[in-house]
N, C-alpha and C. Protein backbone atom coordinates (compact mmCIF):
# COMPACT_ATOMS: atom_id res chain seq x y z
N MET A 1 95.66 107.55 82.40
CA MET A 1 96.51 106.83 81.48
C MET A 1 96.64 105.37 81.95
N PHE A 2 96.60 104.46 81.01
CA PHE A 2 96.65 103.03 81.32
C PHE A 2 97.80 102.38 80.57
N PRO A 3 98.32 101.26 81.04
CA PRO A 3 99.44 100.60 80.36
C PRO A 3 99.10 100.24 78.92
N SER A 4 100.12 100.25 78.09
CA SER A 4 99.93 99.89 76.68
C SER A 4 99.69 98.39 76.54
N ASP A 5 99.15 98.00 75.39
CA ASP A 5 98.93 96.58 75.12
C ASP A 5 100.25 95.81 75.14
N GLU A 6 101.31 96.45 74.64
CA GLU A 6 102.63 95.80 74.61
C GLU A 6 103.10 95.52 76.05
N TRP A 7 102.89 96.49 76.95
CA TRP A 7 103.30 96.30 78.34
C TRP A 7 102.51 95.15 78.97
N LEU A 8 101.20 95.13 78.72
CA LEU A 8 100.34 94.09 79.28
C LEU A 8 100.70 92.70 78.74
N GLU A 9 100.97 92.62 77.44
CA GLU A 9 101.34 91.33 76.85
C GLU A 9 102.66 90.82 77.41
N THR A 10 103.60 91.74 77.59
CA THR A 10 104.89 91.37 78.15
C THR A 10 104.74 90.92 79.60
N LEU A 11 103.93 91.67 80.37
CA LEU A 11 103.68 91.29 81.76
C LEU A 11 103.00 89.93 81.82
N ASN A 12 102.07 89.67 80.92
CA ASN A 12 101.38 88.39 80.91
C ASN A 12 102.38 87.24 80.76
N PHE A 13 103.34 87.40 79.88
CA PHE A 13 104.38 86.39 79.70
C PHE A 13 105.14 86.18 81.01
N TYR A 14 105.56 87.26 81.64
CA TYR A 14 106.31 87.15 82.89
C TYR A 14 105.46 86.57 84.01
N LEU A 15 104.18 86.87 84.04
CA LEU A 15 103.29 86.28 85.04
C LEU A 15 103.20 84.77 84.88
N ILE A 16 103.05 84.33 83.64
CA ILE A 16 102.97 82.90 83.35
C ILE A 16 104.25 82.20 83.81
N VAL A 17 105.39 82.78 83.48
CA VAL A 17 106.67 82.18 83.86
C VAL A 17 106.85 82.20 85.37
N ALA A 18 106.58 83.34 86.01
CA ALA A 18 106.80 83.48 87.46
C ALA A 18 105.87 82.59 88.28
N SER A 19 104.69 82.30 87.74
CA SER A 19 103.72 81.49 88.50
C SER A 19 103.73 80.03 88.09
N GLY A 20 104.62 79.64 87.22
CA GLY A 20 104.66 78.26 86.76
C GLY A 20 103.46 77.90 85.91
N GLY A 21 102.91 78.88 85.20
CA GLY A 21 101.78 78.64 84.30
C GLY A 21 100.41 78.70 84.97
N ARG A 22 100.35 79.14 86.21
CA ARG A 22 99.06 79.16 86.92
C ARG A 22 98.34 80.50 86.84
N LEU A 23 99.07 81.59 86.60
CA LEU A 23 98.44 82.91 86.60
C LEU A 23 98.64 83.63 85.28
N THR A 24 97.64 84.41 84.90
CA THR A 24 97.73 85.29 83.74
C THR A 24 97.13 86.63 84.12
N LEU A 25 97.07 87.55 83.18
CA LEU A 25 96.46 88.86 83.44
C LEU A 25 95.02 88.73 83.91
N ASP A 26 94.33 87.69 83.47
CA ASP A 26 92.92 87.50 83.84
C ASP A 26 92.71 87.31 85.34
N ASP A 27 93.77 86.97 86.06
CA ASP A 27 93.66 86.75 87.50
C ASP A 27 93.77 88.03 88.31
N PHE A 28 93.97 89.16 87.64
CA PHE A 28 94.17 90.43 88.34
C PHE A 28 93.19 91.48 87.83
N SER A 29 92.76 92.33 88.75
CA SER A 29 91.83 93.41 88.37
C SER A 29 92.58 94.50 87.62
N ASP A 30 91.82 95.33 86.90
CA ASP A 30 92.42 96.46 86.19
C ASP A 30 93.14 97.40 87.15
N GLU A 31 92.58 97.56 88.35
CA GLU A 31 93.19 98.45 89.34
C GLU A 31 94.56 97.93 89.78
N VAL A 32 94.66 96.63 89.98
CA VAL A 32 95.93 96.03 90.39
C VAL A 32 96.96 96.17 89.28
N LEU A 33 96.55 95.93 88.06
CA LEU A 33 97.47 96.05 86.92
C LEU A 33 97.91 97.49 86.71
N HIS A 34 96.99 98.42 86.88
CA HIS A 34 97.33 99.84 86.73
C HIS A 34 98.34 100.25 87.80
N ALA A 35 98.13 99.82 89.04
CA ALA A 35 99.06 100.14 90.12
C ALA A 35 100.44 99.53 89.85
N ALA A 36 100.47 98.32 89.32
CA ALA A 36 101.74 97.67 88.99
C ALA A 36 102.46 98.44 87.90
N TRP A 37 101.71 98.92 86.92
CA TRP A 37 102.30 99.69 85.83
C TRP A 37 102.87 101.02 86.34
N LEU A 38 102.15 101.67 87.24
CA LEU A 38 102.64 102.93 87.80
C LEU A 38 103.94 102.72 88.58
N GLU A 39 104.06 101.56 89.22
CA GLU A 39 105.25 101.24 90.00
C GLU A 39 106.43 100.88 89.11
N HIS A 40 106.17 100.14 88.03
CA HIS A 40 107.23 99.70 87.11
C HIS A 40 106.76 99.86 85.66
N PRO A 41 106.80 101.08 85.13
CA PRO A 41 106.27 101.30 83.77
C PRO A 41 107.17 100.80 82.64
N GLY A 42 108.40 100.42 82.94
CA GLY A 42 109.31 99.98 81.90
C GLY A 42 109.02 98.56 81.43
N THR A 43 109.60 98.21 80.30
CA THR A 43 109.41 96.86 79.76
C THR A 43 110.72 96.06 79.76
N THR A 44 111.70 96.53 80.52
CA THR A 44 112.94 95.77 80.59
C THR A 44 112.72 94.51 81.42
N MET A 45 113.62 93.57 81.29
CA MET A 45 113.49 92.32 82.04
C MET A 45 113.44 92.61 83.54
N LYS A 46 114.26 93.54 83.99
CA LYS A 46 114.32 93.87 85.42
C LYS A 46 112.95 94.39 85.90
N ASP A 47 112.35 95.30 85.13
CA ASP A 47 111.04 95.85 85.50
C ASP A 47 109.96 94.78 85.51
N MET A 48 109.90 94.03 84.44
CA MET A 48 108.83 93.05 84.28
C MET A 48 108.96 91.88 85.25
N ASP A 49 110.18 91.43 85.48
CA ASP A 49 110.39 90.33 86.40
C ASP A 49 109.99 90.75 87.81
N ALA A 50 110.40 91.94 88.22
CA ALA A 50 110.05 92.43 89.55
C ALA A 50 108.54 92.61 89.70
N THR A 51 107.90 93.14 88.68
CA THR A 51 106.45 93.36 88.72
C THR A 51 105.71 92.03 88.80
N ALA A 52 106.09 91.09 87.95
CA ALA A 52 105.43 89.78 87.94
C ALA A 52 105.62 89.05 89.26
N GLU A 53 106.84 89.06 89.78
CA GLU A 53 107.11 88.39 91.06
C GLU A 53 106.25 88.98 92.17
N LYS A 54 106.16 90.30 92.21
CA LYS A 54 105.36 90.96 93.24
C LYS A 54 103.88 90.58 93.12
N LEU A 55 103.35 90.60 91.90
CA LEU A 55 101.95 90.25 91.70
C LEU A 55 101.67 88.79 92.07
N VAL A 56 102.56 87.90 91.71
CA VAL A 56 102.38 86.48 92.02
C VAL A 56 102.40 86.28 93.54
N LEU A 57 103.36 86.90 94.22
CA LEU A 57 103.44 86.75 95.67
C LEU A 57 102.21 87.33 96.37
N GLU A 58 101.73 88.48 95.90
CA GLU A 58 100.53 89.07 96.49
C GLU A 58 99.31 88.19 96.25
N PHE A 59 99.22 87.61 95.06
CA PHE A 59 98.11 86.72 94.74
C PHE A 59 98.14 85.48 95.64
N GLN A 60 99.33 84.89 95.81
CA GLN A 60 99.47 83.71 96.65
C GLN A 60 99.15 84.03 98.11
N ALA A 61 99.57 85.19 98.57
CA ALA A 61 99.28 85.58 99.96
C ALA A 61 97.78 85.76 100.16
N LYS A 62 97.13 86.36 99.18
CA LYS A 62 95.68 86.55 99.27
C LYS A 62 94.98 85.21 99.25
N GLN A 63 95.43 84.28 98.40
CA GLN A 63 94.88 82.93 98.31
C GLN A 63 95.00 82.21 99.64
N GLN A 64 96.18 82.26 100.24
CA GLN A 64 96.41 81.58 101.51
C GLN A 64 95.55 82.19 102.61
N ASP A 65 95.41 83.50 102.61
CA ASP A 65 94.59 84.17 103.61
C ASP A 65 93.14 83.75 103.46
N THR A 66 92.65 83.65 102.24
CA THR A 66 91.28 83.24 101.98
C THR A 66 91.06 81.79 102.40
N GLU A 67 92.02 80.91 102.08
CA GLU A 67 91.91 79.50 102.44
C GLU A 67 91.94 79.32 103.95
N ALA A 68 92.78 80.06 104.65
CA ALA A 68 92.88 79.94 106.10
C ALA A 68 91.57 80.35 106.75
N LYS A 69 90.94 81.38 106.25
CA LYS A 69 89.67 81.83 106.80
C LYS A 69 88.55 80.85 106.52
N SER A 70 88.59 80.17 105.39
CA SER A 70 87.50 79.27 105.03
C SER A 70 87.52 77.97 105.83
N PHE A 71 88.65 77.60 106.40
CA PHE A 71 88.73 76.37 107.17
C PHE A 71 88.18 76.52 108.58
N SER A 72 88.18 77.71 109.10
CA SER A 72 87.75 77.92 110.48
C SER A 72 86.41 78.64 110.51
N PRO A 73 85.34 77.94 110.93
CA PRO A 73 84.04 78.59 111.00
C PRO A 73 84.06 79.77 111.97
N ILE A 74 83.24 80.77 111.68
CA ILE A 74 83.18 81.94 112.53
C ILE A 74 82.73 81.55 113.93
N GLY A 75 83.41 82.05 114.94
CA GLY A 75 83.05 81.77 116.31
C GLY A 75 83.74 80.55 116.90
N GLU A 76 84.41 79.78 116.10
CA GLU A 76 85.12 78.60 116.60
C GLU A 76 86.62 78.86 116.53
N SER A 77 87.32 78.32 117.49
CA SER A 77 88.77 78.47 117.47
C SER A 77 89.41 77.10 117.33
N GLU A 78 90.61 77.10 116.80
CA GLU A 78 91.34 75.85 116.63
C GLU A 78 92.30 75.67 117.79
N GLU A 79 92.45 74.45 118.23
CA GLU A 79 93.44 74.15 119.24
C GLU A 79 94.67 73.60 118.55
N LEU A 80 95.80 74.11 118.94
CA LEU A 80 97.05 73.63 118.38
C LEU A 80 97.68 72.65 119.34
N ILE A 81 98.25 71.59 118.81
CA ILE A 81 98.91 70.57 119.62
C ILE A 81 100.31 71.05 119.93
N ASN A 82 100.64 71.09 121.20
CA ASN A 82 102.00 71.45 121.61
C ASN A 82 102.72 70.17 122.00
N GLY A 83 103.71 69.81 121.25
CA GLY A 83 104.46 68.60 121.55
C GLY A 83 104.63 67.74 120.31
N PRO A 84 105.22 66.57 120.48
CA PRO A 84 105.49 65.71 119.33
C PRO A 84 104.20 65.15 118.72
N VAL A 85 104.24 64.95 117.45
CA VAL A 85 103.11 64.41 116.72
C VAL A 85 103.47 63.00 116.29
N SER A 86 102.59 62.06 116.52
CA SER A 86 102.82 60.68 116.16
C SER A 86 102.62 60.51 114.65
N VAL A 87 103.61 59.96 113.98
CA VAL A 87 103.53 59.69 112.56
C VAL A 87 103.72 58.21 112.34
N PRO A 88 102.68 57.49 111.93
CA PRO A 88 102.81 56.03 111.72
C PRO A 88 103.71 55.75 110.51
N MET A 89 104.56 54.73 110.66
CA MET A 89 105.45 54.35 109.57
C MET A 89 105.29 52.86 109.32
N LEU A 90 105.26 52.47 108.08
CA LEU A 90 105.13 51.06 107.72
C LEU A 90 106.36 50.29 108.16
N GLY A 91 106.16 49.14 108.76
CA GLY A 91 107.27 48.28 109.14
C GLY A 91 107.94 48.65 110.44
N VAL A 92 107.44 49.67 111.13
CA VAL A 92 108.04 50.08 112.38
C VAL A 92 106.97 49.98 113.45
N SER A 93 107.31 49.35 114.56
CA SER A 93 106.32 49.19 115.62
C SER A 93 106.07 50.52 116.32
N GLY A 94 104.93 50.64 116.97
CA GLY A 94 104.59 51.87 117.66
C GLY A 94 105.36 52.07 118.94
N ASP A 95 106.19 51.08 119.34
CA ASP A 95 106.94 51.18 120.60
C ASP A 95 108.23 51.97 120.46
N VAL A 96 108.60 52.32 119.26
CA VAL A 96 109.89 52.99 119.01
C VAL A 96 109.87 54.39 119.51
């Protein structure tokens, strides 16, 4: 059994709102949508808002994880600076 068209259309609206217009149903696989429907099959605001928020957060987490991996080539490690970072400011001398 799969979610109804009405459920999907309603979720699409909530996804658009929750993501600030960046995500729609097209950004999620059928498996992810089916799992979301099984978790929150209702169409009340409470159900849909919770479902959309969860999907948006999971999407953003996956995006960040993918971006973090793409910046660091395999086999290389990044060194982190421990201590203050110099930030140049206009009109202020570097002696401050």
